[in-house]
N, C-alpha and C. Protein backbone atom coordinates (compact mmCIF):
# COMPACT_ATOMS: atom_id res chain seq x y z
N MET A 1 58.73 7.07 20.48
CA MET A 1 59.22 6.25 19.63
C MET A 1 58.99 6.28 18.23
N ARG A 2 60.03 6.20 17.54
CA ARG A 2 59.89 6.22 15.90
C ARG A 2 59.90 4.75 15.23
N ILE A 3 58.94 4.71 14.28
CA ILE A 3 58.86 3.62 13.53
C ILE A 3 58.67 3.82 12.07
N VAL A 4 58.87 2.88 11.27
CA VAL A 4 58.52 3.01 9.87
C VAL A 4 57.52 1.88 9.56
N ILE A 5 56.36 2.19 8.65
CA ILE A 5 55.42 1.43 8.50
C ILE A 5 55.54 0.79 7.15
N ASP A 6 55.75 -0.35 6.78
CA ASP A 6 55.73 -0.91 5.48
C ASP A 6 54.37 -0.78 4.86
N THR A 7 54.51 -0.81 3.53
CA THR A 7 53.11 -0.51 2.66
C THR A 7 52.06 -1.67 3.23
N ASN A 8 52.55 -2.81 3.38
CA ASN A 8 51.73 -4.09 3.47
C ASN A 8 50.97 -3.89 4.78
N VAL A 9 51.55 -3.37 5.81
CA VAL A 9 50.92 -3.08 7.10
C VAL A 9 50.03 -2.01 6.84
N LEU A 10 50.16 -1.00 6.40
CA LEU A 10 49.41 0.22 6.06
C LEU A 10 48.12 -0.21 5.48
N ILE A 11 48.23 -1.01 4.54
CA ILE A 11 47.05 -1.74 3.55
C ILE A 11 46.25 -2.60 4.53
N SER A 12 46.90 -3.37 5.31
CA SER A 12 46.17 -4.28 6.21
C SER A 12 45.43 -3.48 7.26
N GLY A 13 45.89 -2.32 7.68
CA GLY A 13 45.49 -1.72 8.75
C GLY A 13 44.19 -0.83 8.23
N VAL A 14 44.38 -0.17 7.05
CA VAL A 14 43.40 0.47 6.37
C VAL A 14 42.15 -0.31 5.93
N PHE A 15 42.34 -1.54 5.49
CA PHE A 15 41.15 -2.42 4.84
C PHE A 15 40.91 -3.39 5.63
N PHE A 16 41.64 -3.93 6.57
CA PHE A 16 41.28 -5.13 6.99
C PHE A 16 41.21 -5.27 8.60
N GLY A 17 41.96 -4.27 9.25
CA GLY A 17 41.90 -4.09 10.78
C GLY A 17 42.91 -4.99 11.52
N GLY A 18 42.64 -5.45 12.64
CA GLY A 18 43.71 -6.17 13.29
C GLY A 18 44.84 -5.43 13.95
N PHE A 19 45.94 -6.05 14.25
CA PHE A 19 47.12 -5.22 14.93
C PHE A 19 47.75 -4.11 14.06
N PRO A 20 47.44 -4.25 12.64
CA PRO A 20 47.92 -3.17 11.84
C PRO A 20 47.15 -1.85 11.89
N ARG A 21 45.72 -2.14 12.11
CA ARG A 21 44.86 -0.83 12.35
C ARG A 21 45.39 -0.26 13.73
N LYS A 22 45.33 -1.10 14.77
CA LYS A 22 45.81 -0.54 16.21
C LYS A 22 47.17 0.09 16.13
N ILE A 23 48.08 -0.32 15.35
CA ILE A 23 49.23 0.53 15.17
C ILE A 23 49.10 1.85 14.45
N LEU A 24 48.19 1.91 13.24
CA LEU A 24 47.98 3.04 12.52
C LEU A 24 47.09 4.07 13.49
N SER A 25 46.18 3.52 14.38
CA SER A 25 45.35 4.41 15.33
C SER A 25 46.47 4.92 16.35
N ALA A 26 47.38 4.16 16.82
CA ALA A 26 48.40 4.76 17.67
C ALA A 26 49.25 6.01 17.09
N VAL A 27 49.48 5.83 15.84
CA VAL A 27 50.23 6.85 15.13
C VAL A 27 49.25 8.13 14.93
N VAL A 28 48.02 8.01 14.69
CA VAL A 28 47.16 9.18 14.47
C VAL A 28 46.77 9.75 15.72
N SER A 29 46.89 9.06 16.78
CA SER A 29 46.54 9.65 18.21
C SER A 29 48.02 9.94 18.75
N GLN A 30 49.04 10.04 17.89
CA GLN A 30 50.45 10.48 18.45
C GLN A 30 50.86 9.81 19.63
N LYS A 31 50.50 8.57 19.79
CA LYS A 31 51.21 7.60 20.78
C LYS A 31 52.65 7.11 20.53
N ILE A 32 52.68 7.08 19.08
CA ILE A 32 53.95 6.77 18.48
C ILE A 32 54.29 7.58 17.15
N THR A 33 55.56 7.76 16.77
CA THR A 33 55.78 8.42 15.55
C THR A 33 56.15 7.73 14.45
N ALA A 34 55.37 7.68 13.46
CA ALA A 34 55.69 6.84 12.33
C ALA A 34 56.48 7.91 11.24
N CYS A 35 57.61 7.45 10.61
CA CYS A 35 58.22 8.22 9.77
C CYS A 35 58.22 7.69 8.48
N ALA A 36 58.38 8.52 7.54
CA ALA A 36 58.14 8.12 5.96
C ALA A 36 58.99 9.07 5.10
N THR A 37 59.08 8.76 3.79
CA THR A 37 59.67 9.61 2.85
C THR A 37 58.65 10.11 1.86
N ALA A 38 58.95 10.92 1.11
CA ALA A 38 57.82 11.11 -0.12
C ALA A 38 57.67 10.07 -0.98
N GLU A 39 58.66 9.10 -1.14
CA GLU A 39 58.42 8.03 -1.97
C GLU A 39 57.62 7.05 -1.39
N ILE A 40 57.74 6.92 0.05
CA ILE A 40 56.88 5.80 0.80
C ILE A 40 55.57 6.32 0.79
N ILE A 41 55.43 7.59 0.93
CA ILE A 41 53.82 8.22 1.07
C ILE A 41 53.36 7.94 -0.40
N ASN A 42 53.89 8.33 -1.54
CA ASN A 42 53.52 7.85 -3.00
C ASN A 42 52.99 6.55 -3.01
N GLU A 43 53.80 5.53 -2.76
CA GLU A 43 53.59 4.24 -2.66
C GLU A 43 52.30 3.81 -1.87
N TYR A 44 52.44 4.36 -0.70
CA TYR A 44 51.01 4.15 0.13
C TYR A 44 49.77 4.76 -0.65
N GLU A 45 49.99 5.81 -1.23
CA GLU A 45 48.67 6.33 -2.05
C GLU A 45 48.45 5.64 -3.41
N GLU A 46 49.45 4.97 -4.01
CA GLU A 46 49.12 4.23 -5.17
C GLU A 46 48.43 3.03 -4.84
N ILE A 47 49.12 2.25 -3.80
CA ILE A 47 48.49 0.98 -3.44
C ILE A 47 47.05 1.14 -2.91
N VAL A 48 46.85 2.07 -1.99
CA VAL A 48 45.40 2.38 -1.48
C VAL A 48 44.45 2.56 -2.70
N GLN A 49 44.87 3.37 -3.52
CA GLN A 49 44.25 3.57 -4.82
C GLN A 49 43.80 2.40 -5.53
N GLU A 50 44.88 1.58 -5.79
CA GLU A 50 44.57 0.21 -6.48
C GLU A 50 43.67 -0.73 -5.64
N MET A 51 43.65 -0.69 -4.31
CA MET A 51 42.75 -1.34 -3.50
C MET A 51 41.32 -0.84 -3.62
N ILE A 52 41.41 0.64 -3.63
CA ILE A 52 39.93 1.00 -3.83
C ILE A 52 39.38 0.73 -5.13
N ASP A 53 40.11 0.91 -6.24
CA ASP A 53 39.69 0.45 -7.54
C ASP A 53 39.14 -0.99 -7.52
N ARG A 54 39.83 -1.87 -6.91
CA ARG A 54 39.33 -3.35 -6.87
C ARG A 54 38.18 -3.51 -6.12
N LYS A 55 38.08 -2.80 -5.19
CA LYS A 55 36.84 -2.83 -4.29
C LYS A 55 35.56 -1.95 -4.83
N GLN A 56 36.07 -1.38 -5.93
CA GLN A 56 34.87 -0.54 -6.68
C GLN A 56 34.49 0.69 -5.62
N GLY A 57 35.43 1.30 -5.07
CA GLY A 57 35.06 2.56 -4.51
C GLY A 57 34.19 2.59 -3.13
N HIS A 58 34.23 1.54 -2.35
CA HIS A 58 33.68 1.63 -1.24
C HIS A 58 34.38 2.16 -0.19
N ILE A 59 35.82 2.36 -0.41
CA ILE A 59 36.43 3.15 0.63
C ILE A 59 37.07 4.40 -0.19
N ASN A 60 36.85 5.63 0.77
CA ASN A 60 37.46 6.81 0.22
C ASN A 60 39.00 7.07 0.39
N ARG A 61 39.80 7.42 -0.47
CA ARG A 61 41.27 7.39 -0.17
C ARG A 61 41.51 8.51 0.64
N VAL A 62 40.62 9.35 1.18
CA VAL A 62 40.98 10.33 2.25
C VAL A 62 41.17 9.68 3.67
N ILE A 63 40.94 8.39 3.62
CA ILE A 63 41.20 7.67 4.84
C ILE A 63 42.74 7.78 5.14
N LEU A 64 43.53 8.02 4.26
CA LEU A 64 44.97 8.11 4.44
C LEU A 64 45.18 9.40 5.09
N SER A 65 44.52 10.42 4.79
CA SER A 65 44.85 11.96 5.27
C SER A 65 45.29 12.05 6.84
N PRO A 66 44.38 11.44 7.67
CA PRO A 66 44.94 11.74 9.12
C PRO A 66 46.07 11.15 9.32
N LEU A 67 46.62 9.86 8.73
CA LEU A 67 47.65 9.07 8.87
C LEU A 67 48.93 9.81 8.48
N ILE A 68 48.72 10.36 7.37
CA ILE A 68 49.82 11.05 6.81
C ILE A 68 50.17 12.41 7.58
N LYS A 69 49.07 13.01 7.84
CA LYS A 69 49.25 14.26 8.75
C LYS A 69 49.95 14.00 9.94
N ALA A 70 49.79 12.85 10.49
CA ALA A 70 50.36 12.63 11.66
C ALA A 70 52.04 12.13 11.54
N MET A 71 52.25 11.59 10.57
CA MET A 71 53.47 11.16 10.41
C MET A 71 54.66 12.30 10.07
N GLU A 72 55.84 11.98 10.44
CA GLU A 72 56.99 12.61 10.37
C GLU A 72 57.73 12.35 8.92
N ILE A 73 57.65 13.38 7.94
CA ILE A 73 58.12 13.04 6.52
C ILE A 73 59.44 13.58 6.73
N ILE A 74 60.45 12.81 6.17
CA ILE A 74 61.74 13.09 6.17
C ILE A 74 62.44 12.97 4.55
N GLU A 75 63.51 13.71 4.63
CA GLU A 75 64.29 13.66 3.25
C GLU A 75 65.45 12.55 3.55
N PRO A 76 65.34 11.62 2.64
CA PRO A 76 66.27 10.55 2.69
C PRO A 76 67.70 10.90 2.30
N ILE A 77 68.64 10.51 3.02
CA ILE A 77 69.92 10.77 2.89
C ILE A 77 70.82 9.51 2.38
N THR A 78 70.62 8.48 3.10
CA THR A 78 71.27 7.24 2.93
C THR A 78 70.68 6.48 1.85
N HIS A 79 71.76 5.85 1.20
CA HIS A 79 71.32 4.82 0.09
C HIS A 79 71.68 3.50 0.64
N ILE A 80 71.02 2.57 0.64
CA ILE A 80 71.11 1.33 0.78
C ILE A 80 70.71 0.16 -0.28
N GLU A 81 71.43 -0.86 -0.26
CA GLU A 81 71.19 -1.82 -1.23
C GLU A 81 71.28 -3.04 -0.59
N ILE A 82 70.50 -3.70 0.18
CA ILE A 82 70.68 -4.97 0.83
C ILE A 82 69.46 -5.85 0.90
N CYS A 83 68.31 -5.46 0.43
CA CYS A 83 66.94 -6.28 0.43
C CYS A 83 67.10 -7.04 -0.87
N ARG A 84 66.64 -8.25 -0.69
CA ARG A 84 66.09 -9.09 -1.88
C ARG A 84 65.54 -8.50 -2.90
N ASP A 85 64.47 -7.66 -2.44
CA ASP A 85 63.58 -6.85 -3.25
C ASP A 85 64.01 -5.47 -3.12
N PRO A 86 64.87 -4.72 -4.31
CA PRO A 86 65.31 -3.65 -4.24
C PRO A 86 64.23 -2.65 -3.74
N ASP A 87 62.95 -2.55 -4.10
CA ASP A 87 62.00 -1.71 -3.71
C ASP A 87 61.95 -1.74 -2.30
N ASP A 88 62.23 -2.51 -1.46
CA ASP A 88 62.09 -2.34 -0.03
C ASP A 88 63.18 -1.80 0.75
N ASN A 89 64.35 -1.40 -0.19
CA ASN A 89 65.45 -0.55 0.64
C ASN A 89 64.96 0.77 1.10
N LYS A 90 64.03 1.42 0.53
CA LYS A 90 63.58 2.63 1.00
C LYS A 90 62.96 2.67 2.44
N PHE A 91 62.43 1.38 2.93
CA PHE A 91 62.11 1.40 4.15
C PHE A 91 63.42 1.49 5.09
N LEU A 92 64.40 0.57 4.75
CA LEU A 92 65.60 0.91 5.50
C LEU A 92 65.99 2.14 5.66
N GLU A 93 66.29 2.70 4.36
CA GLU A 93 66.91 4.22 4.28
C GLU A 93 65.99 5.13 5.14
N CYS A 94 64.79 4.92 5.05
CA CYS A 94 64.10 5.82 5.97
C CYS A 94 64.43 5.76 7.47
N ALA A 95 64.20 4.51 7.75
CA ALA A 95 64.42 4.12 9.30
C ALA A 95 65.75 4.61 9.76
N ARG A 96 66.67 4.35 9.02
CA ARG A 96 68.01 4.76 9.35
C ARG A 96 67.99 6.35 9.59
N ASP A 97 67.62 7.17 8.55
CA ASP A 97 67.66 8.42 8.40
C ASP A 97 66.80 9.24 9.41
N SER A 98 65.82 8.48 9.85
CA SER A 98 64.82 9.11 10.99
C SER A 98 65.07 8.66 12.30
N HIS A 99 66.06 7.83 12.31
CA HIS A 99 66.52 7.18 13.73
C HIS A 99 65.42 6.44 14.25
N ALA A 100 64.67 5.58 13.46
CA ALA A 100 63.74 4.61 13.89
C ALA A 100 64.27 3.42 14.63
N LEU A 101 63.43 2.96 15.51
CA LEU A 101 63.92 1.53 16.31
C LEU A 101 63.34 0.68 15.55
N TYR A 102 62.12 0.48 14.87
CA TYR A 102 61.51 -0.56 14.05
C TYR A 102 61.22 -0.26 12.86
N ILE A 103 61.08 -1.42 12.06
CA ILE A 103 60.33 -1.25 10.67
C ILE A 103 59.27 -2.30 11.08
N VAL A 104 58.02 -1.89 10.86
CA VAL A 104 56.93 -3.04 11.22
C VAL A 104 56.36 -3.38 9.83
N SER A 105 56.51 -4.71 9.46
CA SER A 105 56.34 -5.22 8.20
C SER A 105 55.78 -6.44 8.15
N GLY A 106 55.18 -7.00 7.08
CA GLY A 106 54.65 -8.36 6.83
C GLY A 106 55.28 -8.89 5.69
N ASP A 107 56.34 -8.08 5.24
CA ASP A 107 56.95 -8.39 3.94
C ASP A 107 58.22 -9.51 4.29
N LYS A 108 58.18 -10.70 3.70
CA LYS A 108 59.20 -11.65 3.96
C LYS A 108 60.74 -11.11 3.56
N ASP A 109 60.62 -10.17 2.57
CA ASP A 109 61.96 -9.85 2.08
C ASP A 109 62.60 -8.84 3.04
N LEU A 110 61.79 -8.08 3.88
CA LEU A 110 62.25 -7.24 5.04
C LEU A 110 62.57 -8.23 6.33
N LEU A 111 61.33 -9.16 6.58
CA LEU A 111 61.51 -9.62 7.82
C LEU A 111 62.67 -10.69 7.82
N VAL A 112 63.16 -11.21 6.95
CA VAL A 112 64.27 -12.03 6.82
C VAL A 112 65.60 -11.30 7.35
N ILE A 113 65.58 -9.97 7.16
CA ILE A 113 66.94 -9.43 7.63
C ILE A 113 66.92 -9.14 9.06
N LYS A 114 65.65 -9.12 10.01
CA LYS A 114 65.51 -9.02 11.08
C LYS A 114 66.00 -7.84 11.77
N GLU A 115 67.24 -7.49 11.49
CA GLU A 115 67.82 -6.24 12.23
C GLU A 115 68.81 -5.66 11.28
N TYR A 116 68.88 -4.44 11.26
CA TYR A 116 69.69 -3.66 10.50
C TYR A 116 70.31 -2.31 11.13
N GLU A 117 71.43 -2.32 11.45
CA GLU A 117 71.91 -1.17 12.37
C GLU A 117 71.14 -0.87 13.46
N ASN A 118 70.78 -1.85 14.32
CA ASN A 118 70.13 -1.88 15.44
C ASN A 118 68.64 -1.26 15.30
N ILE A 119 68.16 -1.52 14.04
CA ILE A 119 66.77 -1.29 13.62
C ILE A 119 66.20 -2.49 13.48
N GLN A 120 65.34 -2.91 14.47
CA GLN A 120 64.52 -4.20 14.32
C GLN A 120 63.44 -4.40 13.21
N ILE A 121 63.23 -5.32 12.58
CA ILE A 121 62.36 -5.44 11.54
C ILE A 121 61.19 -6.62 12.14
N ILE A 122 60.26 -6.08 12.52
CA ILE A 122 59.06 -7.15 13.21
C ILE A 122 57.72 -7.07 12.51
N THR A 123 56.91 -7.91 12.61
CA THR A 123 55.58 -7.97 12.30
C THR A 123 54.65 -7.05 13.15
N ALA A 124 53.63 -6.51 12.66
CA ALA A 124 52.65 -5.77 13.33
C ALA A 124 52.20 -6.40 14.52
N LYS A 125 51.92 -7.85 14.61
CA LYS A 125 51.49 -8.40 15.94
C LYS A 125 52.59 -8.45 16.88
N ASP A 126 53.95 -8.61 16.48
CA ASP A 126 55.02 -8.76 17.45
C ASP A 126 55.21 -7.25 17.93
N PHE A 127 55.11 -6.31 17.17
CA PHE A 127 55.49 -4.81 17.68
C PHE A 127 54.29 -4.49 18.51
N TYR A 128 52.88 -4.70 18.17
CA TYR A 128 51.90 -4.31 19.18
C TYR A 128 51.79 -5.18 20.37
N GLU A 129 52.24 -6.34 20.61
CA GLU A 129 52.10 -7.14 21.67
C GLU A 129 53.34 -6.67 22.42
N LYS A 130 54.60 -6.30 21.82
CA LYS A 130 55.80 -5.92 22.84
C LYS A 130 55.42 -4.34 23.30
N TYR A 131 54.65 -3.58 22.69
CA TYR A 131 54.53 -2.22 23.24
C TYR A 131 53.19 -1.63 23.51
N PHE A 132 52.12 -2.36 23.38
CA PHE A 132 50.89 -1.98 23.56
C PHE A 132 49.97 -2.91 24.57
N SER A 133 50.70 -4.10 24.72
CA SER A 133 49.57 -5.01 25.38
C SER A 133 50.18 -5.32 26.84
N GLU A 134 50.86 -4.27 27.51
CA GLU A 134 51.20 -4.43 28.93
C GLU A 134 50.33 -3.72 29.54
């Protein structure tokens, strides 16, 4: 199964744990496939670096390496402009072009859409409970 992970879920998983971390672990162990574009990976790296800087370097940014290595990096083709926050359109584009079934997000601007072309947009908790709690 292919998913796209929004940056806020990645940050929550890397720094705080919970359902987001369980999903990231499932990606690293190749139980599910997470897809991203170069633009999404750059955003992940920038935000992780900002978080590290705020926490004064207690976490090393190499924490992202196993996750990024496990991801399927795609070249975006589609151009979508439907999100309230235009910066979030890249997640829809990636999901569409990678044939992902889900975007896992905590972003209200994405969650309000709920579904786009058969791609469901759900929280980390809902995704985890739906696919890993059985």
